[in-house]
Amino acid sequence: MPKPIQQFVQFGPIQLPYSQLFILRRHVFATVNLKPVAPGHVLVCSKRPVKRLYDMTEVEAVEFWITVQEVAKVIKYFHNFKTNCHVSIQDGMHAGQTIPSVHCHIIPYQGKDFDILS
C-alpha cells in the first residue's frame, strides 16, 4: 500500500494544514499568525524543527531570509502600507520564543501599533 501523502507541516506541537500556508518551499513555509498582534501578521517558519537560528544550515538560512524579504514585499503591497514593518525573531525560550522552532514574525506597521516601543 502506498504511503499517504502528508497534507500538513509540523510547527512545534501544531500541525498546520497546507490550506493555512501561502508559501511552501523545500525548507520553509509562511502562514498568517494564528494569534496576530496586528492585521497582516505573518510567520515565516523553518520546516525542519530547529530551536535556534544558528542551528539552521546555510541552505535553510538563505531560503528563510529570501522568504522573509518576499513576504515583507507582499505584505506591503497587499496591505497598502508605505514602507514599514516589524521583522522579529525571538531566538530561544528566554527571548520570548513560545514555539520551539525558528520562525520570523513580519508585522505591518500601522502608525501607532507599537508606540510603546519607541
PDB file of N, CA and C in Angstrom:
ATOM      1  N   MET A   1       0.851  -1.177   0.000  1.00  0.00           N
ATOM      2  CA  MET A   1       0.000   0.000   0.000  1.00  0.00           C
ATOM      3  C   MET A   1       0.896   1.239   0.000  1.00  0.00           C
ATOM      4  N   PRO A   2       0.588   2.243  -0.845  1.00  0.00           N
ATOM      5  CA  PRO A   2       1.427   3.444  -0.883  1.00  0.00           C
ATOM      6  C   PRO A   2       1.309   4.252   0.403  1.00  0.00           C
ATOM      7  N   LYS A   3       2.408   4.919   0.731  1.00  0.00           N
ATOM      8  CA  LYS A   3       2.432   5.773   1.921  1.00  0.00           C
ATOM      9  C   LYS A   3       1.547   6.996   1.664  1.00  0.00           C
ATOM     10  N   PRO A   4       0.679   7.367   2.620  1.00  0.00           N
ATOM     11  CA  PRO A   4      -0.181   8.544   2.414  1.00  0.00           C
ATOM     12  C   PRO A   4       0.659   9.817   2.300  1.00  0.00           C
ATOM     13  N   ILE A   5       0.198  10.708   1.464  1.00  0.00           N
ATOM     14  CA  ILE A   5       0.882  11.986   1.276  1.00  0.00           C
ATOM     15  C   ILE A   5       0.549  12.895   2.447  1.00  0.00           C
ATOM     16  N   GLN A   6       1.585  13.453   3.048  1.00  0.00           N
ATOM     17  CA  GLN A   6       1.399  14.364   4.185  1.00  0.00           C
ATOM     18  C   GLN A   6       0.717  15.637   3.699  1.00  0.00           C
ATOM     19  N   GLN A   7      -0.315  16.068   4.368  1.00  0.00           N
ATOM     20  CA  GLN A   7      -1.078  17.256   3.987  1.00  0.00           C
ATOM     21  C   GLN A   7      -0.933  18.389   4.998  1.00  0.00           C
ATOM     22  N   PHE A   8       0.140  18.357   5.778  1.00  0.00           N
ATOM     23  CA  PHE A   8       0.353  19.379   6.791  1.00  0.00           C
ATOM     24  C   PHE A   8       1.846  19.551   7.024  1.00  0.00           C
ATOM     25  N   VAL A   9       2.205  20.659   7.686  1.00  0.00           N
ATOM     26  CA  VAL A   9       3.568  20.842   8.171  1.00  0.00           C
ATOM     27  C   VAL A   9       3.489  20.891   9.693  1.00  0.00           C
ATOM     28  N   GLN A  10       4.546  20.440  10.307  1.00  0.00           N
ATOM     29  CA  GLN A  10       4.620  20.453  11.759  1.00  0.00           C
ATOM     30  C   GLN A  10       5.314  21.740  12.189  1.00  0.00           C
ATOM     31  N   PHE A  11       4.708  22.482  13.096  1.00  0.00           N
ATOM     32  CA  PHE A  11       5.289  23.701  13.637  1.00  0.00           C
ATOM     33  C   PHE A  11       5.265  23.574  15.148  1.00  0.00           C
ATOM     34  N   GLY A  12       6.360  23.084  15.711  1.00  0.00           N
ATOM     35  CA  GLY A  12       6.368  22.766  17.136  1.00  0.00           C
ATOM     36  C   GLY A  12       5.300  21.720  17.393  1.00  0.00           C
ATOM     37  N   PRO A  13       4.418  21.941  18.362  1.00  0.00           N
ATOM     38  CA  PRO A  13       3.366  20.958  18.643  1.00  0.00           C
ATOM     39  C   PRO A  13       2.148  21.074  17.721  1.00  0.00           C
ATOM     40  N   ILE A  14       2.162  22.042  16.823  1.00  0.00           N
ATOM     41  CA  ILE A  14       0.998  22.346  15.991  1.00  0.00           C
ATOM     42  C   ILE A  14       1.157  21.744  14.601  1.00  0.00           C
ATOM     43  N   GLN A  15       0.104  21.074  14.119  1.00  0.00           N
ATOM     44  CA  GLN A  15       0.067  20.627  12.735  1.00  0.00           C
ATOM     45  C   GLN A  15      -0.733  21.645  11.937  1.00  0.00           C
ATOM     46  N   LEU A  16      -0.052  22.306  10.985  1.00  0.00           N
ATOM     47  CA  LEU A  16      -0.720  23.293  10.144  1.00  0.00           C
ATOM     48  C   LEU A  16      -1.071  22.646   8.808  1.00  0.00           C
ATOM     49  N   PRO A  17      -2.355  22.586   8.457  1.00  0.00           N
ATOM     50  CA  PRO A  17      -2.723  22.025   7.159  1.00  0.00           C
ATOM     51  C   PRO A  17      -2.219  22.922   6.024  1.00  0.00           C
ATOM     52  N   TYR A  18      -1.947  22.311   4.893  1.00  0.00           N
ATOM     53  CA  TYR A  18      -1.469  23.075   3.735  1.00  0.00           C
ATOM     54  C   TYR A  18      -2.404  24.239   3.405  1.00  0.00           C
ATOM     55  N   SER A  19      -3.686  24.103   3.686  1.00  0.00           N
ATOM     56  CA  SER A  19      -4.645  25.167   3.369  1.00  0.00           C
ATOM     57  C   SER A  19      -4.368  26.452   4.150  1.00  0.00           C
ATOM     58  N   GLN A  20      -3.578  26.380   5.236  1.00  0.00           N
ATOM     59  CA  GLN A  20      -3.251  27.570   6.020  1.00  0.00           C
ATOM     60  C   GLN A  20      -1.924  28.196   5.606  1.00  0.00           C
ATOM     61  N   LEU A  21      -1.257  27.620   4.628  1.00  0.00           N
ATOM     62  CA  LEU A  21       0.032  28.138   4.175  1.00  0.00           C
ATOM     63  C   LEU A  21      -0.148  28.900   2.882  1.00  0.00           C
ATOM     64  N   PHE A  22       0.595  29.986   2.737  1.00  0.00           N
ATOM     65  CA  PHE A  22       0.573  30.646   1.440  1.00  0.00           C
ATOM     66  C   PHE A  22       1.915  30.580   0.737  1.00  0.00           C
ATOM     67  N   ILE A  23       2.935  30.083   1.414  1.00  0.00           N
ATOM     68  CA  ILE A  23       4.216  29.736   0.793  1.00  0.00           C
ATOM     69  C   ILE A  23       4.642  28.399   1.389  1.00  0.00           C
ATOM     70  N   LEU A  24       5.019  27.488   0.521  1.00  0.00           N
ATOM     71  CA  LEU A  24       5.552  26.200   0.956  1.00  0.00           C
ATOM     72  C   LEU A  24       6.748  25.891   0.069  1.00  0.00           C
ATOM     73  N   ARG A  25       7.916  25.912   0.671  1.00  0.00           N
ATOM     74  CA  ARG A  25       9.158  25.659  -0.044  1.00  0.00           C
ATOM     75  C   ARG A  25       9.854  24.452   0.565  1.00  0.00           C
ATOM     76  N   ARG A  26      11.007  24.137   0.019  1.00  0.00           N
ATOM     77  CA  ARG A  26      11.736  22.950   0.483  1.00  0.00           C
ATOM     78  C   ARG A  26      12.075  23.040   1.978  1.00  0.00           C
ATOM     79  N   HIS A  27      12.518  24.225   2.435  1.00  0.00           N
ATOM     80  CA  HIS A  27      12.995  24.361   3.813  1.00  0.00           C
ATOM     81  C   HIS A  27      12.155  25.283   4.690  1.00  0.00           C
ATOM     82  N   VAL A  28      11.243  26.026   4.113  1.00  0.00           N
ATOM     83  CA  VAL A  28      10.460  26.995   4.893  1.00  0.00           C
ATOM     84  C   VAL A  28       9.010  27.021   4.423  1.00  0.00           C
ATOM     85  N   PHE A  29       8.183  27.626   5.259  1.00  0.00           N
ATOM     86  CA  PHE A  29       6.801  27.898   4.872  1.00  0.00           C
ATOM     87  C   PHE A  29       6.386  29.218   5.513  1.00  0.00           C
ATOM     88  N   ALA A  30       5.319  29.804   4.981  1.00  0.00           N
ATOM     89  CA  ALA A  30       4.776  31.041   5.540  1.00  0.00           C
ATOM     90  C   ALA A  30       3.283  30.862   5.760  1.00  0.00           C
ATOM     91  N   THR A  31       2.824  31.416   6.871  1.00  0.00           N
ATOM     92  CA  THR A  31       1.424  31.325   7.246  1.00  0.00           C
ATOM     93  C   THR A  31       1.016  32.587   8.002  1.00  0.00           C
ATOM     94  N   VAL A  32      -0.254  32.905   7.982  1.00  0.00           N
ATOM     95  CA  VAL A  32      -0.762  34.009   8.793  1.00  0.00           C
ATOM     96  C   VAL A  32      -0.723  33.552  10.248  1.00  0.00           C
ATOM     97  N   ASN A  33      -0.275  34.439  11.119  1.00  0.00           N
ATOM     98  CA  ASN A  33      -0.185  34.098  12.539  1.00  0.00           C
ATOM     99  C   ASN A  33      -1.580  33.787  13.082  1.00  0.00           C
ATOM    100  N   LEU A  34      -1.697  32.689  13.835  1.00  0.00           N
ATOM    101  CA  LEU A  34      -2.993  32.295  14.398  1.00  0.00           C
ATOM    102  C   LEU A  34      -3.455  33.235  15.508  1.00  0.00           C
ATOM    103  N   LYS A  35      -2.506  33.970  16.121  1.00  0.00           N
ATOM    104  CA  LYS A  35      -2.833  34.961  17.147  1.00  0.00           C
ATOM    105  C   LYS A  35      -2.148  36.279  16.772  1.00  0.00           C
ATOM    106  N   PRO A  36      -2.647  36.948  15.715  1.00  0.00           N
ATOM    107  CA  PRO A  36      -1.952  38.141  15.221  1.00  0.00           C
ATOM    108  C   PRO A  36      -1.999  39.312  16.200  1.00  0.00           C
ATOM    109  N   VAL A  37      -0.908  40.071  16.243  1.00  0.00           N
ATOM    110  CA  VAL A  37      -0.900  41.286  17.057  1.00  0.00           C
ATOM    111  C   VAL A  37      -1.361  42.492  16.246  1.00  0.00           C
ATOM    112  N   ALA A  38      -1.441  42.325  14.929  1.00  0.00           N
ATOM    113  CA  ALA A  38      -1.945  43.368  14.023  1.00  0.00           C
ATOM    114  C   ALA A  38      -2.399  42.676  12.743  1.00  0.00           C
ATOM    115  N   PRO A  39      -3.305  43.291  11.992  1.00  0.00           N
ATOM    116  CA  PRO A  39      -3.714  42.711  10.716  1.00  0.00           C
ATOM    117  C   PRO A  39      -2.496  42.519   9.797  1.00  0.00           C
ATOM    118  N   GLY A  40      -2.425  41.362   9.168  1.00  0.00           N
ATOM    119  CA  GLY A  40      -1.318  41.083   8.267  1.00  0.00           C
ATOM    120  C   GLY A  40      -0.115  40.431   8.919  1.00  0.00           C
ATOM    121  N   HIS A  41      -0.202  40.086  10.181  1.00  0.00           N
ATOM    122  CA  HIS A  41       0.898  39.461  10.926  1.00  0.00           C
ATOM    123  C   HIS A  41       1.149  38.065  10.345  1.00  0.00           C
ATOM    124  N   VAL A  42       2.352  37.864   9.816  1.00  0.00           N
ATOM    125  CA  VAL A  42       2.718  36.624   9.130  1.00  0.00           C
ATOM    126  C   VAL A  42       3.929  35.995   9.808  1.00  0.00           C
ATOM    127  N   LEU A  43       3.998  34.670   9.755  1.00  0.00           N
ATOM    128  CA  LEU A  43       5.160  33.934  10.234  1.00  0.00           C
ATOM    129  C   LEU A  43       5.846  33.251   9.056  1.00  0.00           C
ATOM    130  N   VAL A  44       7.165  33.370   8.998  1.00  0.00           N
ATOM    131  CA  VAL A  44       7.983  32.547   8.111  1.00  0.00           C
ATOM    132  C   VAL A  44       8.690  31.556   9.028  1.00  0.00           C
ATOM    133  N   CYS A  45       8.543  30.267   8.730  1.00  0.00           N
ATOM    134  CA  CYS A  45       8.983  29.218   9.647  1.00  0.00           C
ATOM    135  C   CYS A  45       9.887  28.208   8.960  1.00  0.00           C
ATOM    136  N   SER A  46      10.821  27.688   9.725  1.00  0.00           N
ATOM    137  CA  SER A  46      11.650  26.586   9.258  1.00  0.00           C
ATOM    138  C   SER A  46      10.816  25.316   9.243  1.00  0.00           C
ATOM    139  N   LYS A  47      10.887  24.551   8.145  1.00  0.00           N
ATOM    140  CA  LYS A  47      10.179  23.268   8.115  1.00  0.00           C
ATOM    141  C   LYS A  47      10.843  22.245   9.024  1.00  0.00           C
ATOM    142  N   ARG A  48      12.160  22.275   9.067  1.00  0.00           N
ATOM    143  CA  ARG A  48      12.874  21.368   9.968  1.00  0.00           C
ATOM    144  C   ARG A  48      12.815  21.977  11.369  1.00  0.00           C
ATOM    145  N   PRO A  49      12.467  21.199  12.377  1.00  0.00           N
ATOM    146  CA  PRO A  49      12.340  21.765  13.717  1.00  0.00           C
ATOM    147  C   PRO A  49      13.708  22.094  14.329  1.00  0.00           C
ATOM    148  N   VAL A  50      14.142  23.320  14.131  1.00  0.00           N
ATOM    149  CA  VAL A  50      15.394  23.795  14.739  1.00  0.00           C
ATOM    150  C   VAL A  50      15.038  24.834  15.788  1.00  0.00           C
ATOM    151  N   LYS A  51      15.613  24.696  16.965  1.00  0.00           N
ATOM    152  CA  LYS A  51      15.243  25.574  18.079  1.00  0.00           C
ATOM    153  C   LYS A  51      15.869  26.957  17.986  1.00  0.00           C
ATOM    154  N   ARG A  52      17.055  27.048  17.407  1.00  0.00           N
ATOM    155  CA  ARG A  52      17.774  28.326  17.395  1.00  0.00           C
ATOM    156  C   ARG A  52      18.206  28.674  15.971  1.00  0.00           C
ATOM    157  N   LEU A  53      18.296  29.954  15.705  1.00  0.00           N
ATOM    158  CA  LEU A  53      18.668  30.448  14.387  1.00  0.00           C
ATOM    159  C   LEU A  53      20.003  29.871  13.934  1.00  0.00           C
ATOM    160  N   TYR A  54      20.964  29.761  14.834  1.00  0.00           N
ATOM    161  CA  TYR A  54      22.287  29.260  14.460  1.00  0.00           C
ATOM    162  C   TYR A  54      22.293  27.758  14.173  1.00  0.00           C
ATOM    163  N   ASP A  55      21.193  27.065  14.450  1.00  0.00           N
ATOM    164  CA  ASP A  55      21.096  25.640  14.147  1.00  0.00           C
ATOM    165  C   ASP A  55      20.695  25.363  12.699  1.00  0.00           C
ATOM    166  N   MET A  56      20.282  26.409  11.979  1.00  0.00           N
ATOM    167  CA  MET A  56      19.896  26.224  10.580  1.00  0.00           C
ATOM    168  C   MET A  56      21.143  26.009   9.726  1.00  0.00           C
ATOM    169  N   THR A  57      21.004  25.221   8.674  1.00  0.00           N
ATOM    170  CA  THR A  57      22.094  25.085   7.714  1.00  0.00           C
ATOM    171  C   THR A  57      22.154  26.359   6.873  1.00  0.00           C
ATOM    172  N   GLU A  58      23.241  26.554   6.144  1.00  0.00           N
ATOM    173  CA  GLU A  58      23.341  27.724   5.263  1.00  0.00           C
ATOM    174  C   GLU A  58      22.223  27.733   4.234  1.00  0.00           C
ATOM    175  N   VAL A  59      21.943  26.586   3.653  1.00  0.00           N
ATOM    176  CA  VAL A  59      20.891  26.495   2.634  1.00  0.00           C
ATOM    177  C   VAL A  59      19.543  26.875   3.234  1.00  0.00           C
ATOM    178  N   GLU A  60      19.243  26.364   4.417  1.00  0.00           N
ATOM    179  CA  GLU A  60      17.984  26.709   5.085  1.00  0.00           C
ATOM    180  C   GLU A  60      17.924  28.203   5.391  1.00  0.00           C
ATOM    181  N   ALA A  61      19.026  28.750   5.881  1.00  0.00           N
ATOM    182  CA  ALA A  61      19.061  30.168   6.255  1.00  0.00           C
ATOM    183  C   ALA A  61      18.854  31.069   5.043  1.00  0.00           C
ATOM    184  N   VAL A  62      19.473  30.737   3.928  1.00  0.00           N
ATOM    185  CA  VAL A  62      19.314  31.549   2.712  1.00  0.00           C
ATOM    186  C   VAL A  62      17.851  31.532   2.266  1.00  0.00           C
ATOM    187  N   GLU A  63      17.258  30.349   2.205  1.00  0.00           N
ATOM    188  CA  GLU A  63      15.852  30.262   1.793  1.00  0.00           C
ATOM    189  C   GLU A  63      14.950  30.985   2.786  1.00  0.00           C
ATOM    190  N   PHE A  64      15.257  30.883   4.069  1.00  0.00           N
ATOM    191  CA  PHE A  64      14.491  31.548   5.126  1.00  0.00           C
ATOM    192  C   PHE A  64      14.489  33.063   4.919  1.00  0.00           C
ATOM    193  N   TRP A  65      15.690  33.651   4.779  1.00  0.00           N
ATOM    194  CA  TRP A  65      15.779  35.114   4.667  1.00  0.00           C
ATOM    195  C   TRP A  65      15.243  35.631   3.335  1.00  0.00           C
ATOM    196  N   ILE A  66      15.398  34.887   2.267  1.00  0.00           N
ATOM    197  CA  ILE A  66      14.790  35.286   0.991  1.00  0.00           C
ATOM    198  C   ILE A  66      13.274  35.301   1.135  1.00  0.00           C
ATOM    199  N   THR A  67      12.735  34.314   1.819  1.00  0.00           N
ATOM    200  CA  THR A  67      11.289  34.247   2.027  1.00  0.00           C
ATOM    201  C   THR A  67      10.808  35.388   2.921  1.00  0.00           C
ATOM    202  N   VAL A  68      11.552  35.712   3.962  1.00  0.00           N
ATOM    203  CA  VAL A  68      11.198  36.858   4.818  1.00  0.00           C
ATOM    204  C   VAL A  68      11.113  38.128   3.972  1.00  0.00           C
ATOM    205  N   GLN A  69      12.102  38.335   3.122  1.00  0.00           N
ATOM    206  CA  GLN A  69      12.122  39.523   2.264  1.00  0.00           C
ATOM    207  C   GLN A  69      10.925  39.535   1.313  1.00  0.00           C
ATOM    208  N   GLU A  70      10.629  38.412   0.697  1.00  0.00           N
ATOM    209  CA  GLU A  70       9.495  38.336  -0.230  1.00  0.00           C
ATOM    210  C   GLU A  70       8.169  38.565   0.475  1.00  0.00           C
ATOM    211  N   VAL A  71       8.002  37.988   1.655  1.00  0.00           N
ATOM    212  CA  VAL A  71       6.759  38.173   2.405  1.00  0.00           C
ATOM    213  C   VAL A  71       6.581  39.635   2.794  1.00  0.00           C
ATOM    214  N   ALA A  72       7.656  40.291   3.220  1.00  0.00           N
ATOM    215  CA  ALA A  72       7.564  41.723   3.569  1.00  0.00           C
ATOM    216  C   ALA A  72       7.088  42.538   2.369  1.00  0.00           C
ATOM    217  N   LYS A  73       7.570  42.211   1.173  1.00  0.00           N
ATOM    218  CA  LYS A  73       7.122  42.915  -0.040  1.00  0.00           C
ATOM    219  C   LYS A  73       5.646  42.670  -0.308  1.00  0.00           C
ATOM    220  N   VAL A  74       5.211  41.422  -0.142  1.00  0.00           N
ATOM    221  CA  VAL A  74       3.803  41.080  -0.382  1.00  0.00           C
ATOM    222  C   VAL A  74       2.909  41.785   0.632  1.00  0.00           C
ATOM    223  N   ILE A  75       3.317  41.777   1.894  1.00  0.00           N
ATOM    224  CA  ILE A  75       2.526  42.452   2.928  1.00  0.00           C
ATOM    225  C   ILE A  75       2.399  43.936   2.608  1.00  0.00           C
ATOM    226  N   LYS A  76       3.486  44.549   2.216  1.00  0.00           N
ATOM    227  CA  LYS A  76       3.465  45.982   1.872  1.00  0.00           C
ATOM    228  C   LYS A  76       2.464  46.236   0.753  1.00  0.00           C
ATOM    229  N   TYR A  77       2.490  45.413  -0.272  1.00  0.00           N
ATOM    230  CA  TYR A  77       1.579  45.576  -1.404  1.00  0.00           C
ATOM    231  C   TYR A  77       0.138  45.272  -0.996  1.00  0.00           C
ATOM    232  N   PHE A  78      -0.069  44.142  -0.336  1.00  0.00           N
ATOM    233  CA  PHE A  78      -1.413  43.683  -0.007  1.00  0.00           C
ATOM    234  C   PHE A  78      -2.121  44.615   0.959  1.00  0.00           C
ATOM    235  N   HIS A  79      -1.388  45.122   1.946  1.00  0.00           N
ATOM    236  CA  HIS A  79      -1.994  45.974   2.967  1.00  0.00           C
ATOM    237  C   HIS A  79      -1.843  47.455   2.654  1.00  0.00           C
ATOM    238  N   ASN A  80      -1.227  47.770   1.526  1.00  0.00           N
ATOM    239  CA  ASN A  80      -1.100  49.147   1.055  1.00  0.00           C
ATOM    240  C   ASN A  80      -0.403  50.056   2.073  1.00  0.00           C
ATOM    241  N   PHE A  81       0.646  49.546   2.717  1.00  0.00           N
ATOM    242  CA  PHE A  81       1.421  50.347   3.639  1.00  0.00           C
ATOM    243  C   PHE A  81       2.531  51.048   2.885  1.00  0.00           C
ATOM    244  N   LYS A  82       3.005  52.127   3.435  1.00  0.00           N
ATOM    245  CA  LYS A  82       4.033  52.908   2.755  1.00  0.00           C
ATOM    246  C   LYS A  82       5.382  52.188   2.746  1.00  0.00           C
ATOM    247  N   THR A  83       6.028  52.037   3.877  1.00  0.00           N
ATOM    248  CA  THR A  83       7.361  51.443   3.852  1.00  0.00           C
ATOM    249  C   THR A  83       7.698  50.549   5.027  1.00  0.00           C
ATOM    250  N   ASN A  84       6.943  50.563   6.088  1.00  0.00           N
ATOM    251  CA  ASN A  84       7.432  49.973   7.334  1.00  0.00           C
ATOM    252  C   ASN A  84       6.751  48.672   7.738  1.00  0.00           C
ATOM    253  N   CYS A  85       7.550  47.795   8.331  1.00  0.00           N
ATOM    254  CA  CYS A  85       7.016  46.621   9.006  1.00  0.00           C
ATOM    255  C   CYS A  85       8.032  46.193  10.061  1.00  0.00           C
ATOM    256  N   HIS A  86       7.535  45.493  11.053  1.00  0.00           N
ATOM    257  CA  HIS A  86       8.396  44.927  12.083  1.00  0.00           C
ATOM    258  C   HIS A  86       8.812  43.538  11.625  1.00  0.00           C
ATOM    259  N   VAL A  87      10.090  43.234  11.724  1.00  0.00           N
ATOM    260  CA  VAL A  87      10.623  41.906  11.424  1.00  0.00           C
ATOM    261  C   VAL A  87      11.324  41.447  12.692  1.00  0.00           C
ATOM    262  N   SER A  88      10.858  40.331  13.253  1.00  0.00           N
ATOM    263  CA  SER A  88      11.339  39.945  14.577  1.00  0.00           C
ATOM    264  C   SER A  88      11.511  38.438  14.703  1.00  0.00           C
ATOM    265  N   ILE A  89      12.600  38.041  15.344  1.00  0.00           N
ATOM    266  CA  ILE A  89      12.817  36.645  15.706  1.00  0.00           C
ATOM    267  C   ILE A  89      13.101  36.600  17.204  1.00  0.00           C
ATOM    268  N   GLN A  90      12.347  35.791  17.907  1.00  0.00           N
ATOM    269  CA  GLN A  90      12.614  35.534  19.312  1.00  0.00           C
ATOM    270  C   GLN A  90      13.417  34.237  19.338  1.00  0.00           C
ATOM    271  N   ASP A  91      14.726  34.373  19.462  1.00  0.00           N
ATOM    272  CA  ASP A  91      15.636  33.247  19.278  1.00  0.00           C
ATOM    273  C   ASP A  91      15.936  32.561  20.605  1.00  0.00           C
ATOM    274  N   GLY A  92      15.030  31.679  21.006  1.00  0.00           N
ATOM    275  CA  GLY A  92      15.200  30.935  22.249  1.00  0.00           C
ATOM    276  C   GLY A  92      14.120  31.282  23.257  1.00  0.00           C
ATOM    277  N   MET A  93      13.891  30.360  24.163  1.00  0.00           N
ATOM    278  CA  MET A  93      12.839  30.495  25.162  1.00  0.00           C
ATOM    279  C   MET A  93      12.985  31.776  25.986  1.00  0.00           C
ATOM    280  N   HIS A  94      14.207  32.128  26.397  1.00  0.00           N
ATOM    281  CA  HIS A  94      14.407  33.302  27.237  1.00  0.00           C
ATOM    282  C   HIS A  94      14.246  34.612  26.459  1.00  0.00           C
ATOM    283  N   ALA A  95      14.202  34.507  25.140  1.00  0.00           N
ATOM    284  CA  ALA A  95      13.947  35.681  24.306  1.00  0.00           C
ATOM    285  C   ALA A  95      12.462  35.812  23.981  1.00  0.00           C
ATOM    286  N   GLY A  96      11.635  34.923  24.552  1.00  0.00           N
ATOM    287  CA  GLY A  96      10.197  35.001  24.357  1.00  0.00           C
ATOM    288  C   GLY A  96       9.645  34.027  23.333  1.00  0.00           C
ATOM    289  N   GLN A  97      10.491  33.145  22.797  1.00  0.00           N
ATOM    290  CA  GLN A  97      10.032  32.168  21.814  1.00  0.00           C
ATOM    291  C   GLN A  97       9.071  31.190  22.487  1.00  0.00           C
ATOM    292  N   THR A  98       7.848  31.085  21.963  1.00  0.00           N
ATOM    293  CA  THR A  98       6.851  30.202  22.564  1.00  0.00           C
ATOM    294  C   THR A  98       6.706  28.878  21.812  1.00  0.00           C
ATOM    295  N   ILE A  99       7.032  28.853  20.534  1.00  0.00           N
ATOM    296  CA  ILE A  99       7.063  27.618  19.745  1.00  0.00           C
ATOM    297  C   ILE A  99       8.540  27.283  19.542  1.00  0.00           C
ATOM    298  N   PRO A 100       9.002  26.120  19.974  1.00  0.00           N
ATOM    299  CA  PRO A 100      10.438  25.819  19.935  1.00  0.00           C
ATOM    300  C   PRO A 100      10.939  25.443  18.540  1.00  0.00           C
ATOM    301  N   SER A 101      10.731  26.334  17.598  1.00  0.00           N
ATOM    302  CA  SER A 101      11.215  26.153  16.229  1.00  0.00           C
ATOM    303  C   SER A 101      11.422  27.542  15.632  1.00  0.00           C
ATOM    304  N   VAL A 102      12.499  27.718  14.880  1.00  0.00           N
ATOM    305  CA  VAL A 102      12.833  29.041  14.338  1.00  0.00           C
ATOM    306  C   VAL A 102      11.691  29.563  13.469  1.00  0.00           C
ATOM    307  N   HIS A 103      11.287  30.790  13.747  1.00  0.00           N
ATOM    308  CA  HIS A 103      10.283  31.466  12.935  1.00  0.00           C
ATOM    309  C   HIS A 103      10.460  32.978  13.071  1.00  0.00           C
ATOM    310  N   CYS A 104      10.056  33.669  12.033  1.00  0.00           N
ATOM    311  CA  CYS A 104      10.193  35.123  11.979  1.00  0.00           C
ATOM    312  C   CYS A 104       8.808  35.748  11.892  1.00  0.00           C
ATOM    313  N   HIS A 105       8.567  36.739  12.732  1.00  0.00           N
ATOM    314  CA  HIS A 105       7.316  37.496  12.694  1.00  0.00           C
ATOM    315  C   HIS A 105       7.506  38.681  11.754  1.00  0.00           C
ATOM    316  N   ILE A 106       6.584  38.857  10.831  1.00  0.00           N
ATOM    317  CA  ILE A 106       6.571  40.029   9.959  1.00  0.00           C
ATOM    318  C   ILE A 106       5.229  40.701  10.181  1.00  0.00           C
ATOM    319  N   ILE A 107       5.281  41.930  10.714  1.00  0.00           N
ATOM    320  CA  ILE A 107       4.068  42.615  11.148  1.00  0.00           C
ATOM    321  C   ILE A 107       4.019  43.992  10.501  1.00  0.00           C
ATOM    322  N   PRO A 108       2.984  44.255   9.699  1.00  0.00           N
ATOM    323  CA  PRO A 108       2.855  45.590   9.108  1.00  0.00           C
ATOM    324  C   PRO A 108       2.743  46.647  10.202  1.00  0.00           C
ATOM    325  N   TYR A 109       3.418  47.748  10.004  1.00  0.00           N
ATOM    326  CA  TYR A 109       3.372  48.865  10.949  1.00  0.00           C
ATOM    327  C   TYR A 109       2.288  49.833  10.500  1.00  0.00           C
ATOM    328  N   GLN A 110       1.336  50.096  11.383  1.00  0.00           N
ATOM    329  CA  GLN A 110       0.199  50.942  11.022  1.00  0.00           C
ATOM    330  C   GLN A 110       0.211  52.283  11.742  1.00  0.00           C
ATOM    331  N   GLY A 111       1.355  52.761  12.091  1.00  0.00           N
ATOM    332  CA  GLY A 111       1.444  54.091  12.689  1.00  0.00           C
ATOM    333  C   GLY A 111       1.549  54.083  14.197  1.00  0.00           C
ATOM    334  N   LYS A 112       0.505  53.633  14.884  1.00  0.00           N
ATOM    335  CA  LYS A 112       0.511  53.704  16.350  1.00  0.00           C
ATOM    336  C   LYS A 112       0.474  52.324  16.993  1.00  0.00           C
ATOM    337  N   ASP A 113       0.678  51.272  16.209  1.00  0.00           N
ATOM    338  CA  ASP A 113       0.602  49.915  16.750  1.00  0.00           C
ATOM    339  C   ASP A 113       1.554  49.683  17.906  1.00  0.00           C
ATOM    340  N   PHE A 114       2.789  50.161  17.756  1.00  0.00           N
ATOM    341  CA  PHE A 114       3.826  49.822  18.710  1.00  0.00           C
ATOM    342  C   PHE A 114       4.503  51.083  19.266  1.00  0.00           C
ATOM    343  N   ASP A 115       3.730  52.128  19.503  1.00  0.00           N
ATOM    344  CA  ASP A 115       4.314  53.374  20.032  1.00  0.00           C
ATOM    345  C   ASP A 115       5.032  53.127  21.354  1.00  0.00           C
ATOM    346  N   ILE A 116       4.618  52.100  22.082  1.00  0.00           N
ATOM    347  CA  ILE A 116       5.254  51.785  23.357  1.00  0.00           C
ATOM    348  C   ILE A 116       6.733  51.402  23.159  1.00  0.00           C
ATOM    349  N   LEU A 117       7.094  50.921  21.948  1.00  0.00           N
ATOM    350  CA  LEU A 117       8.450  50.518  21.673  1.00  0.00           C
ATOM    351  C   LEU A 117       9.360  51.690  21.310  1.00  0.00           C
ATOM    352  N   SER A 118       8.769  52.821  20.985  1.00  0.00           N
ATOM    353  CA  SER A 118       9.611  53.948  20.546  1.00  0.00           C
ATOM    354  C   SER A 118       9.946  54.914  21.654  1.00  0.00           C
TER     355      SER A 118
END
